[in-house]
Amino acid sequence: MSNKNIWYLPGPFHQYQEDVKALAKQNGLRIVDANATESRDDEAEDVPEVTVRQVDSASVLLIADSGDFDGAALQELIGKLNAERDGIVLLIEAAEGLTELEHPGAGELPIRLFHALKAIHEGVVTIEGERDGLAGEVDLLRAEVERLKATAEPVDNAEKIANLKAQLDAANVTYRANASVESLEKAVADLQQA
């Protein structure tokens, strides 16, 4: 290719703010990943300007291949971290109610989390017990209120008056139409003594 239409651009191409494929098409260029080849044959001189997106970089542990490197220690550390992760996952599942809360056995963070969750669980159990005790007291108090209402409720005077008047009418005793309950009771009592 002698017309120099290759745009050597370091990949990955999604790292750029611009749509590099569309820019290449507009400018009649063919994109080649500059990281994939050292050759710069037919490199275009007039290429579009592009900007890399700003992303937070993640910490990466680079291990140099040297005599000081202790692979066994690294494997042990990775094993401990995996054990801690597994312990935390089990505790999260217990907190979500998927499993029983059990001591993780190892790892500083899982053990601390276990003790915190256990304290919370014990507090909830205590509160539930108090709630249930108070609910029992509420039921007893409601029953007592109903009992007191029943004893304090006045007997229906209209029914009592009608009953007393019926007894006096049966004995042909005269009484006032607007007589009080007490006077009707006295007249019925006098009737029974006679």
N, C-alpha and C. Protein backbone atom coordinates (compact mmCIF):
# COMPACT_ATOMS: atom_id res chain seq x y z
N MET A 1 0.85 -1.18 0.00
CA MET A 1 0.00 0.00 0.00
C MET A 1 0.88 1.23 0.00
N SER A 2 0.76 1.97 -0.99
CA SER A 2 1.65 3.12 -1.13
C SER A 2 0.95 4.45 -0.91
N ASN A 3 -0.33 4.43 -0.61
CA ASN A 3 -1.02 5.71 -0.46
C ASN A 3 -1.09 6.19 1.00
N LYS A 4 -0.46 5.52 1.94
CA LYS A 4 -0.33 5.95 3.34
C LYS A 4 -1.67 6.30 3.97
N ASN A 5 -2.51 5.27 4.11
CA ASN A 5 -3.83 5.49 4.68
C ASN A 5 -4.05 4.69 5.98
N ILE A 6 -2.97 4.30 6.64
CA ILE A 6 -3.11 3.51 7.88
C ILE A 6 -2.92 4.43 9.09
N TRP A 7 -3.88 4.34 9.99
CA TRP A 7 -3.83 5.14 11.22
C TRP A 7 -3.42 4.18 12.33
N TYR A 8 -2.19 4.30 12.78
CA TYR A 8 -1.69 3.47 13.87
C TYR A 8 -2.11 4.14 15.19
N LEU A 9 -3.07 3.52 15.85
CA LEU A 9 -3.66 4.08 17.06
C LEU A 9 -3.59 3.04 18.18
N PRO A 10 -3.04 3.39 19.32
CA PRO A 10 -2.97 2.41 20.41
C PRO A 10 -4.36 2.03 20.90
N GLY A 11 -4.59 0.74 21.03
CA GLY A 11 -5.88 0.24 21.52
C GLY A 11 -5.86 0.13 23.03
N PRO A 12 -6.94 -0.19 23.63
CA PRO A 12 -8.24 -0.47 23.05
C PRO A 12 -8.92 0.82 22.59
N PHE A 13 -9.72 0.70 21.57
CA PHE A 13 -10.30 1.88 20.93
C PHE A 13 -11.46 2.50 21.73
N HIS A 14 -12.01 1.74 22.69
CA HIS A 14 -13.11 2.31 23.50
C HIS A 14 -12.58 3.28 24.56
N GLN A 15 -11.25 3.38 24.70
CA GLN A 15 -10.68 4.29 25.69
C GLN A 15 -10.74 5.75 25.25
N TYR A 16 -11.11 5.99 23.99
CA TYR A 16 -11.13 7.35 23.46
C TYR A 16 -12.53 7.94 23.57
N GLN A 17 -12.57 9.24 23.81
CA GLN A 17 -13.85 9.92 23.91
C GLN A 17 -14.56 9.96 22.56
N GLU A 18 -13.80 10.04 21.49
CA GLU A 18 -14.37 10.13 20.15
C GLU A 18 -14.65 8.72 19.61
N ASP A 19 -15.54 8.65 18.64
CA ASP A 19 -15.79 7.39 17.92
C ASP A 19 -14.72 7.27 16.85
N VAL A 20 -13.62 6.56 17.19
CA VAL A 20 -12.46 6.51 16.29
C VAL A 20 -12.77 5.78 15.00
N LYS A 21 -13.65 4.82 15.03
CA LYS A 21 -14.00 4.10 13.80
C LYS A 21 -14.72 5.03 12.82
N ALA A 22 -15.61 5.87 13.34
CA ALA A 22 -16.30 6.83 12.48
C ALA A 22 -15.33 7.87 11.93
N LEU A 23 -14.39 8.31 12.78
CA LEU A 23 -13.38 9.28 12.32
C LEU A 23 -12.51 8.68 11.22
N ALA A 24 -12.13 7.42 11.38
CA ALA A 24 -11.30 6.75 10.37
C ALA A 24 -12.06 6.66 9.05
N LYS A 25 -13.33 6.32 9.11
CA LYS A 25 -14.14 6.19 7.89
C LYS A 25 -14.28 7.54 7.20
N GLN A 26 -14.52 8.61 7.98
CA GLN A 26 -14.66 9.95 7.43
C GLN A 26 -13.39 10.40 6.71
N ASN A 27 -12.24 10.00 7.25
CA ASN A 27 -10.96 10.45 6.69
C ASN A 27 -10.33 9.43 5.75
N GLY A 28 -11.06 8.37 5.42
CA GLY A 28 -10.54 7.37 4.49
C GLY A 28 -9.33 6.62 5.04
N LEU A 29 -9.33 6.38 6.35
CA LEU A 29 -8.21 5.71 6.99
C LEU A 29 -8.61 4.32 7.46
N ARG A 30 -7.61 3.48 7.61
CA ARG A 30 -7.80 2.15 8.16
C ARG A 30 -7.04 2.12 9.48
N ILE A 31 -7.72 1.72 10.58
CA ILE A 31 -7.09 1.72 11.90
C ILE A 31 -6.37 0.40 12.12
N VAL A 32 -5.15 0.52 12.64
CA VAL A 32 -4.37 -0.65 13.07
C VAL A 32 -3.92 -0.36 14.49
N ASP A 33 -4.08 -1.35 15.38
CA ASP A 33 -3.68 -1.17 16.77
C ASP A 33 -2.16 -1.02 16.83
N ALA A 34 -1.70 0.14 17.29
CA ALA A 34 -0.26 0.42 17.35
C ALA A 34 0.43 -0.48 18.37
N ASN A 35 -0.30 -1.03 19.32
CA ASN A 35 0.29 -1.94 20.31
C ASN A 35 0.52 -3.33 19.72
N ALA A 36 -0.14 -3.63 18.62
CA ALA A 36 -0.07 -4.97 18.05
C ALA A 36 1.06 -5.12 17.03
N THR A 37 1.60 -4.02 16.57
CA THR A 37 2.66 -4.11 15.56
C THR A 37 3.68 -3.00 15.76
N GLU A 38 4.90 -3.30 15.43
CA GLU A 38 5.95 -2.28 15.50
C GLU A 38 6.10 -1.57 14.16
N SER A 39 5.57 -2.18 13.12
CA SER A 39 5.68 -1.62 11.78
C SER A 39 4.85 -0.36 11.67
N ARG A 40 5.37 0.59 10.91
CA ARG A 40 4.61 1.81 10.65
C ARG A 40 4.56 2.06 9.14
N ASP A 41 4.49 0.95 8.40
CA ASP A 41 4.42 1.05 6.94
C ASP A 41 3.11 1.72 6.54
N ASP A 42 3.17 2.58 5.57
CA ASP A 42 2.02 3.30 5.03
C ASP A 42 1.26 4.10 6.11
N GLU A 43 1.98 4.62 7.08
CA GLU A 43 1.35 5.41 8.15
C GLU A 43 0.88 6.75 7.59
N ALA A 44 -0.37 7.07 7.85
CA ALA A 44 -0.92 8.35 7.39
C ALA A 44 -0.31 9.48 8.20
N GLU A 45 -0.09 10.61 7.53
CA GLU A 45 0.53 11.76 8.20
C GLU A 45 -0.54 12.66 8.82
N ASP A 46 -1.69 12.77 8.18
CA ASP A 46 -2.75 13.66 8.67
C ASP A 46 -3.86 12.80 9.29
N VAL A 47 -3.79 12.63 10.63
CA VAL A 47 -4.79 11.80 11.33
C VAL A 47 -5.58 12.68 12.31
N PRO A 48 -6.79 12.28 12.62
CA PRO A 48 -7.61 13.08 13.55
C PRO A 48 -7.01 13.08 14.96
N GLU A 49 -7.29 14.17 15.69
CA GLU A 49 -6.88 14.28 17.09
C GLU A 49 -7.92 13.55 17.94
N VAL A 50 -7.45 12.76 18.89
CA VAL A 50 -8.36 12.05 19.79
C VAL A 50 -7.89 12.26 21.23
N THR A 51 -8.85 12.13 22.15
CA THR A 51 -8.52 12.29 23.58
C THR A 51 -8.92 11.02 24.33
N VAL A 52 -8.06 10.66 25.26
CA VAL A 52 -8.30 9.46 26.08
C VAL A 52 -9.26 9.84 27.21
N ARG A 53 -10.23 8.96 27.49
CA ARG A 53 -11.17 9.18 28.60
C ARG A 53 -10.42 9.10 29.92
N GLN A 54 -10.85 9.91 30.86
CA GLN A 54 -10.25 9.88 32.19
C GLN A 54 -10.96 8.80 33.00
N VAL A 55 -10.19 7.83 33.45
CA VAL A 55 -10.74 6.77 34.29
C VAL A 55 -9.84 6.63 35.51
N ASP A 56 -10.45 6.26 36.63
CA ASP A 56 -9.67 6.01 37.83
C ASP A 56 -8.89 4.73 37.63
N SER A 57 -7.62 4.83 37.86
CA SER A 57 -6.80 3.64 37.68
C SER A 57 -6.90 2.76 38.92
N ALA A 58 -6.93 1.48 38.70
CA ALA A 58 -6.99 0.52 39.80
C ALA A 58 -5.58 0.14 40.20
N SER A 59 -5.40 -0.13 41.48
CA SER A 59 -4.10 -0.55 41.95
C SER A 59 -3.81 -1.95 41.43
N VAL A 60 -2.62 -2.13 40.94
CA VAL A 60 -2.22 -3.41 40.39
C VAL A 60 -0.93 -3.82 41.06
N LEU A 61 -0.87 -5.06 41.51
CA LEU A 61 0.33 -5.58 42.12
C LEU A 61 1.19 -6.19 41.03
N LEU A 62 2.34 -5.58 40.80
CA LEU A 62 3.27 -6.09 39.81
C LEU A 62 4.37 -6.85 40.54
N ILE A 63 4.63 -8.05 40.10
CA ILE A 63 5.64 -8.87 40.73
C ILE A 63 6.78 -9.05 39.74
N ALA A 64 7.91 -8.53 40.13
CA ALA A 64 9.08 -8.65 39.26
C ALA A 64 9.63 -10.07 39.38
N ASP A 65 10.13 -10.55 38.30
CA ASP A 65 10.72 -11.89 38.27
C ASP A 65 12.16 -11.78 38.74
N SER A 66 12.33 -11.87 40.07
CA SER A 66 13.68 -11.74 40.62
C SER A 66 13.94 -12.84 41.62
N GLY A 67 15.14 -12.93 42.09
CA GLY A 67 15.53 -13.95 43.05
C GLY A 67 14.95 -13.69 44.43
N ASP A 68 14.55 -12.44 44.71
CA ASP A 68 13.99 -12.10 46.02
C ASP A 68 12.53 -12.51 46.14
N PHE A 69 11.92 -12.87 45.07
CA PHE A 69 10.49 -13.17 45.03
C PHE A 69 10.19 -14.48 45.73
N ASP A 70 9.21 -14.42 46.66
CA ASP A 70 8.80 -15.61 47.40
C ASP A 70 7.38 -15.98 46.96
N GLY A 71 7.30 -16.86 45.98
CA GLY A 71 6.00 -17.26 45.43
C GLY A 71 5.12 -17.95 46.45
N ALA A 72 5.73 -18.71 47.37
CA ALA A 72 4.95 -19.41 48.39
C ALA A 72 4.27 -18.42 49.32
N ALA A 73 4.98 -17.34 49.68
CA ALA A 73 4.39 -16.32 50.55
C ALA A 73 3.23 -15.63 49.85
N LEU A 74 3.40 -15.37 48.55
CA LEU A 74 2.32 -14.75 47.79
C LEU A 74 1.10 -15.68 47.72
N GLN A 75 1.33 -16.94 47.48
CA GLN A 75 0.23 -17.91 47.43
C GLN A 75 -0.48 -17.99 48.78
N GLU A 76 0.31 -17.93 49.86
CA GLU A 76 -0.27 -17.97 51.21
C GLU A 76 -1.14 -16.73 51.44
N LEU A 77 -0.64 -15.57 51.02
CA LEU A 77 -1.41 -14.33 51.16
C LEU A 77 -2.70 -14.39 50.35
N ILE A 78 -2.60 -14.88 49.13
CA ILE A 78 -3.80 -15.02 48.28
C ILE A 78 -4.78 -15.99 48.93
N GLY A 79 -4.29 -17.07 49.50
CA GLY A 79 -5.15 -18.02 50.19
C GLY A 79 -5.86 -17.39 51.37
N LYS A 80 -5.12 -16.58 52.16
CA LYS A 80 -5.73 -15.89 53.31
C LYS A 80 -6.81 -14.92 52.84
N LEU A 81 -6.52 -14.17 51.79
CA LEU A 81 -7.51 -13.21 51.27
C LEU A 81 -8.75 -13.93 50.75
N ASN A 82 -8.55 -15.06 50.08
CA ASN A 82 -9.71 -15.83 49.60
C ASN A 82 -10.52 -16.38 50.77
N ALA A 83 -9.83 -16.82 51.83
CA ALA A 83 -10.54 -17.33 53.01
C ALA A 83 -11.34 -16.20 53.67
N GLU A 84 -10.74 -15.01 53.76
CA GLU A 84 -11.46 -13.87 54.33
C GLU A 84 -12.69 -13.54 53.49
N ARG A 85 -12.50 -13.53 52.17
CA ARG A 85 -13.62 -13.24 51.28
C ARG A 85 -14.73 -14.26 51.47
N ASP A 86 -14.37 -15.54 51.52
CA ASP A 86 -15.37 -16.60 51.71
C ASP A 86 -16.09 -16.44 53.05
N GLY A 87 -15.33 -16.10 54.10
CA GLY A 87 -15.94 -15.88 55.41
C GLY A 87 -16.93 -14.73 55.39
N ILE A 88 -16.56 -13.65 54.72
CA ILE A 88 -17.44 -12.49 54.63
C ILE A 88 -18.69 -12.82 53.82
N VAL A 89 -18.52 -13.59 52.74
CA VAL A 89 -19.67 -13.99 51.93
C VAL A 89 -20.65 -14.81 52.77
N LEU A 90 -20.13 -15.74 53.58
CA LEU A 90 -21.01 -16.55 54.45
C LEU A 90 -21.73 -15.68 55.46
N LEU A 91 -21.05 -14.69 56.02
CA LEU A 91 -21.68 -13.80 56.99
C LEU A 91 -22.75 -12.94 56.33
N ILE A 92 -22.50 -12.51 55.10
CA ILE A 92 -23.50 -11.73 54.38
C ILE A 92 -24.74 -12.59 54.12
N GLU A 93 -24.52 -13.83 53.72
CA GLU A 93 -25.66 -14.74 53.50
C GLU A 93 -26.43 -14.95 54.79
N ALA A 94 -25.73 -15.05 55.92
CA ALA A 94 -26.41 -15.20 57.21
C ALA A 94 -27.21 -13.95 57.54
N ALA A 95 -26.65 -12.78 57.26
CA ALA A 95 -27.35 -11.53 57.52
C ALA A 95 -28.59 -11.40 56.64
N GLU A 96 -28.53 -11.96 55.44
CA GLU A 96 -29.68 -11.93 54.54
C GLU A 96 -30.70 -13.02 54.87
N GLY A 97 -30.38 -13.86 55.87
CA GLY A 97 -31.29 -14.91 56.27
C GLY A 97 -31.21 -16.17 55.43
N LEU A 98 -30.18 -16.29 54.61
CA LEU A 98 -30.05 -17.46 53.74
C LEU A 98 -29.43 -18.65 54.47
N THR A 99 -28.61 -18.38 55.48
CA THR A 99 -27.97 -19.44 56.26
C THR A 99 -27.96 -19.04 57.73
N GLU A 100 -27.53 -19.99 58.58
CA GLU A 100 -27.39 -19.70 60.01
C GLU A 100 -26.12 -18.89 60.23
N LEU A 101 -26.13 -18.07 61.26
CA LEU A 101 -24.95 -17.29 61.62
C LEU A 101 -23.97 -18.19 62.34
N GLU A 102 -22.80 -18.40 61.72
CA GLU A 102 -21.78 -19.25 62.30
C GLU A 102 -20.45 -18.53 62.31
N HIS A 103 -19.62 -18.87 63.29
CA HIS A 103 -18.28 -18.26 63.39
C HIS A 103 -17.48 -18.63 62.15
N PRO A 104 -16.84 -17.66 61.48
CA PRO A 104 -16.12 -17.94 60.24
C PRO A 104 -14.84 -18.76 60.44
N GLY A 105 -14.29 -18.75 61.64
CA GLY A 105 -13.11 -19.56 61.89
C GLY A 105 -11.80 -18.87 61.64
N ALA A 106 -11.71 -18.03 60.63
CA ALA A 106 -10.43 -17.39 60.31
C ALA A 106 -10.67 -16.03 59.67
N GLY A 107 -9.64 -15.22 59.71
CA GLY A 107 -9.68 -13.91 59.07
C GLY A 107 -10.12 -12.83 60.04
N GLU A 108 -9.32 -11.78 60.16
CA GLU A 108 -9.63 -10.71 61.10
C GLU A 108 -10.96 -10.03 60.78
N LEU A 109 -11.16 -9.66 59.52
CA LEU A 109 -12.39 -8.95 59.14
C LEU A 109 -13.64 -9.82 59.31
N PRO A 110 -13.63 -11.08 58.84
CA PRO A 110 -14.83 -11.89 59.05
C PRO A 110 -15.15 -12.10 60.53
N ILE A 111 -14.12 -12.26 61.37
CA ILE A 111 -14.37 -12.47 62.80
C ILE A 111 -14.96 -11.21 63.42
N ARG A 112 -14.43 -10.04 63.05
CA ARG A 112 -15.00 -8.79 63.56
C ARG A 112 -16.44 -8.63 63.10
N LEU A 113 -16.69 -8.92 61.83
CA LEU A 113 -18.04 -8.82 61.30
C LEU A 113 -18.97 -9.81 61.99
N PHE A 114 -18.47 -11.02 62.28
CA PHE A 114 -19.27 -12.02 62.98
C PHE A 114 -19.69 -11.50 64.36
N HIS A 115 -18.74 -10.93 65.11
CA HIS A 115 -19.07 -10.42 66.45
C HIS A 115 -20.07 -9.27 66.38
N ALA A 116 -19.93 -8.42 65.38
CA ALA A 116 -20.89 -7.32 65.23
C ALA A 116 -22.28 -7.86 64.88
N LEU A 117 -22.35 -8.80 63.95
CA LEU A 117 -23.65 -9.38 63.58
C LEU A 117 -24.27 -10.15 64.74
N LYS A 118 -23.44 -10.84 65.51
CA LYS A 118 -23.94 -11.61 66.66
C LYS A 118 -24.54 -10.66 67.70
N ALA A 119 -23.86 -9.54 67.96
CA ALA A 119 -24.38 -8.55 68.91
C ALA A 119 -25.71 -7.97 68.41
N ILE A 120 -25.78 -7.69 67.13
CA ILE A 120 -27.04 -7.17 66.56
C ILE A 120 -28.14 -8.22 66.69
N HIS A 121 -27.81 -9.47 66.38
CA HIS A 121 -28.79 -10.56 66.47
C HIS A 121 -29.30 -10.71 67.90
N GLU A 122 -28.38 -10.68 68.87
CA GLU A 122 -28.79 -10.81 70.27
C GLU A 122 -29.67 -9.65 70.69
N GLY A 123 -29.36 -8.45 70.21
CA GLY A 123 -30.19 -7.28 70.51
C GLY A 123 -31.60 -7.43 69.93
N VAL A 124 -31.68 -7.95 68.72
CA VAL A 124 -32.98 -8.15 68.08
C VAL A 124 -33.79 -9.21 68.84
N VAL A 125 -33.12 -10.28 69.27
CA VAL A 125 -33.81 -11.33 70.03
C VAL A 125 -34.34 -10.75 71.34
N THR A 126 -33.55 -9.92 72.01
CA THR A 126 -33.99 -9.30 73.26
C THR A 126 -35.20 -8.40 73.01
N ILE A 127 -35.12 -7.61 71.97
CA ILE A 127 -36.24 -6.71 71.65
C ILE A 127 -37.50 -7.50 71.30
N GLU A 128 -37.33 -8.60 70.55
CA GLU A 128 -38.49 -9.43 70.21
C GLU A 128 -39.11 -10.01 71.48
N GLY A 129 -38.28 -10.46 72.42
CA GLY A 129 -38.79 -10.99 73.68
C GLY A 129 -39.57 -9.94 74.46
N GLU A 130 -39.00 -8.73 74.53
CA GLU A 130 -39.70 -7.64 75.22
C GLU A 130 -41.02 -7.31 74.52
N ARG A 131 -40.99 -7.31 73.19
CA ARG A 131 -42.21 -7.03 72.43
C ARG A 131 -43.28 -8.06 72.73
N ASP A 132 -42.88 -9.35 72.74
CA ASP A 132 -43.85 -10.41 73.01
C ASP A 132 -44.40 -10.30 74.43
N GLY A 133 -43.53 -9.96 75.39
CA GLY A 133 -43.98 -9.77 76.78
C GLY A 133 -44.97 -8.62 76.88
N LEU A 134 -44.68 -7.53 76.18
CA LEU A 134 -45.59 -6.39 76.20
C LEU A 134 -46.91 -6.72 75.50
N ALA A 135 -46.84 -7.53 74.45
CA ALA A 135 -48.08 -7.93 73.76
C ALA A 135 -48.95 -8.75 74.70
N GLY A 136 -48.33 -9.62 75.51
CA GLY A 136 -49.09 -10.39 76.51
C GLY A 136 -49.73 -9.48 77.54
N GLU A 137 -48.98 -8.47 77.99
CA GLU A 137 -49.53 -7.52 78.95
C GLU A 137 -50.69 -6.75 78.34
N VAL A 138 -50.55 -6.37 77.09
CA VAL A 138 -51.63 -5.64 76.40
C VAL A 138 -52.89 -6.49 76.36
N ASP A 139 -52.74 -7.80 76.05
CA ASP A 139 -53.91 -8.68 76.02
C ASP A 139 -54.56 -8.77 77.39
N LEU A 140 -53.74 -8.90 78.44
CA LEU A 140 -54.30 -8.95 79.81
C LEU A 140 -55.01 -7.66 80.17
N LEU A 141 -54.41 -6.53 79.81
CA LEU A 141 -55.04 -5.24 80.11
C LEU A 141 -56.35 -5.05 79.34
N ARG A 142 -56.37 -5.50 78.11
CA ARG A 142 -57.62 -5.40 77.32
C ARG A 142 -58.72 -6.25 77.96
N ALA A 143 -58.36 -7.45 78.39
CA ALA A 143 -59.35 -8.32 79.04
C ALA A 143 -59.86 -7.68 80.33
N GLU A 144 -58.95 -7.07 81.10
CA GLU A 144 -59.34 -6.39 82.34
C GLU A 144 -60.27 -5.22 82.05
N VAL A 145 -59.96 -4.46 81.01
CA VAL A 145 -60.82 -3.33 80.64
C VAL A 145 -62.21 -3.83 80.26
N GLU A 146 -62.28 -4.90 79.49
CA GLU A 146 -63.59 -5.45 79.10
C GLU A 146 -64.37 -5.93 80.33
N ARG A 147 -63.66 -6.58 81.28
CA ARG A 147 -64.32 -7.04 82.50
C ARG A 147 -64.85 -5.86 83.31
N LEU A 148 -64.04 -4.79 83.43
CA LEU A 148 -64.47 -3.61 84.16
C LEU A 148 -65.64 -2.92 83.47
N LYS A 149 -65.61 -2.89 82.16
CA LYS A 149 -66.73 -2.29 81.42
C LYS A 149 -68.02 -3.06 81.69
N ALA A 150 -67.89 -4.39 81.70
CA ALA A 150 -69.09 -5.22 81.92
C ALA A 150 -69.68 -4.99 83.29
N THR A 151 -68.83 -4.85 84.31
CA THR A 151 -69.35 -4.63 85.67
C THR A 151 -69.81 -3.20 85.86
N ALA A 152 -69.26 -2.26 85.17
CA ALA A 152 -69.61 -0.86 85.34
C ALA A 152 -70.78 -0.43 84.46
N GLU A 153 -71.13 -1.23 83.47
CA GLU A 153 -72.21 -0.83 82.58
C GLU A 153 -73.54 -0.86 83.34
N PRO A 154 -74.29 0.21 83.26
CA PRO A 154 -75.61 0.20 83.93
C PRO A 154 -76.55 -0.77 83.20
N VAL A 155 -77.38 -1.41 84.00
CA VAL A 155 -78.37 -2.30 83.41
C VAL A 155 -79.35 -1.44 82.63
N ASP A 156 -79.79 -1.94 81.55
CA ASP A 156 -80.71 -1.20 80.70
C ASP A 156 -81.96 -0.86 81.52
N ASN A 157 -82.11 0.43 81.90
CA ASN A 157 -83.22 0.88 82.75
C ASN A 157 -84.57 0.70 82.09
N ALA A 158 -84.62 0.85 80.79
CA ALA A 158 -85.92 0.73 80.11
C ALA A 158 -86.46 -0.69 80.27
N GLU A 159 -85.56 -1.67 80.15
CA GLU A 159 -85.98 -3.06 80.30
C GLU A 159 -86.38 -3.35 81.75
N LYS A 160 -85.61 -2.81 82.68
CA LYS A 160 -85.89 -3.03 84.10
C LYS A 160 -87.23 -2.38 84.49
N ILE A 161 -87.46 -1.17 84.00
CA ILE A 161 -88.72 -0.46 84.29
C ILE A 161 -89.91 -1.23 83.73
N ALA A 162 -89.76 -1.71 82.50
CA ALA A 162 -90.85 -2.45 81.87
C ALA A 162 -91.17 -3.71 82.68
N ASN A 163 -90.15 -4.37 83.19
CA ASN A 163 -90.35 -5.58 83.98
C ASN A 163 -91.06 -5.26 85.30
N LEU A 164 -90.63 -4.19 85.98
CA LEU A 164 -91.26 -3.79 87.25
C LEU A 164 -92.72 -3.38 87.02
N LYS A 165 -92.99 -2.63 85.96
CA LYS A 165 -94.36 -2.20 85.66
C LYS A 165 -95.25 -3.40 85.34
N ALA A 166 -94.69 -4.38 84.67
CA ALA A 166 -95.46 -5.59 84.34
C ALA A 166 -95.87 -6.32 85.63
N GLN A 167 -94.96 -6.38 86.59
CA GLN A 167 -95.27 -7.05 87.88
C GLN A 167 -96.36 -6.28 88.63
N LEU A 168 -96.26 -4.94 88.62
CA LEU A 168 -97.27 -4.12 89.30
C LEU A 168 -98.62 -4.19 88.58
N ASP A 169 -98.62 -4.22 87.26
CA ASP A 169 -99.85 -4.32 86.48
C ASP A 169 -100.54 -5.66 86.77
N ALA A 170 -99.73 -6.73 86.89
CA ALA A 170 -100.29 -8.06 87.15
C ALA A 170 -100.98 -8.09 88.52
N ALA A 171 -100.47 -7.29 89.48
CA ALA A 171 -101.06 -7.25 90.82
C ALA A 171 -102.09 -6.14 90.95
N ASN A 172 -102.41 -5.45 89.86
CA ASN A 172 -103.37 -4.35 89.83
C ASN A 172 -103.00 -3.22 90.79
N VAL A 173 -101.67 -2.91 90.83
CA VAL A 173 -101.18 -1.82 91.67
C VAL A 173 -100.98 -0.62 90.75
N THR A 174 -101.50 0.55 91.23
CA THR A 174 -101.35 1.75 90.41
C THR A 174 -100.01 2.43 90.73
N TYR A 175 -99.50 3.11 89.73
CA TYR A 175 -98.21 3.81 89.87
C TYR A 175 -98.24 4.98 88.90
N ARG A 176 -97.38 5.93 89.15
CA ARG A 176 -97.29 7.08 88.25
C ARG A 176 -96.61 6.65 86.96
N ALA A 177 -96.96 7.22 85.83
CA ALA A 177 -96.41 6.86 84.53
C ALA A 177 -94.92 7.22 84.46
N ASN A 178 -94.53 8.28 85.15
CA ASN A 178 -93.14 8.69 85.11
C ASN A 178 -92.41 8.34 86.41
N ALA A 179 -92.82 7.27 87.03
CA ALA A 179 -92.23 6.86 88.31
C ALA A 179 -90.77 6.46 88.11
N SER A 180 -89.95 6.73 89.12
CA SER A 180 -88.53 6.39 89.04
C SER A 180 -88.35 4.89 89.27
N VAL A 181 -87.20 4.42 88.92
CA VAL A 181 -86.87 3.00 89.10
C VAL A 181 -86.96 2.65 90.59
N GLU A 182 -86.43 3.55 91.42
CA GLU A 182 -86.42 3.28 92.86
C GLU A 182 -87.84 3.14 93.41
N SER A 183 -88.77 4.02 92.99
CA SER A 183 -90.16 3.95 93.51
C SER A 183 -90.86 2.69 93.00
N LEU A 184 -90.57 2.30 91.75
CA LEU A 184 -91.15 1.06 91.22
C LEU A 184 -90.60 -0.16 91.96
N GLU A 185 -89.27 -0.12 92.25
CA GLU A 185 -88.66 -1.24 93.00
C GLU A 185 -89.28 -1.34 94.40
N LYS A 186 -89.51 -0.19 95.03
CA LYS A 186 -90.10 -0.17 96.38
C LYS A 186 -91.53 -0.74 96.34
N ALA A 187 -92.32 -0.38 95.31
CA ALA A 187 -93.69 -0.85 95.19
C ALA A 187 -93.71 -2.36 94.98
N VAL A 188 -92.78 -2.89 94.16
CA VAL A 188 -92.71 -4.35 93.92
C VAL A 188 -92.29 -5.05 95.21
N ALA A 189 -91.35 -4.45 95.97
CA ALA A 189 -90.90 -5.04 97.23
C ALA A 189 -92.05 -5.08 98.23
N ASP A 190 -92.85 -4.00 98.31
CA ASP A 190 -94.00 -3.96 99.20
C ASP A 190 -95.02 -5.00 98.80
N LEU A 191 -95.16 -5.19 97.49
CA LEU A 191 -96.11 -6.16 96.96
C LEU A 191 -95.71 -7.57 97.40
N GLN A 192 -94.41 -7.86 97.38
CA GLN A 192 -93.94 -9.20 97.73
C GLN A 192 -94.04 -9.44 99.24
N GLN A 193 -93.99 -8.37 100.07
CA GLN A 193 -94.09 -8.53 101.52
C GLN A 193 -95.54 -8.75 101.95
N ALA A 194 -96.48 -8.29 101.14
CA ALA A 194 -97.88 -8.39 101.52
C ALA A 194 -98.45 -9.75 101.29
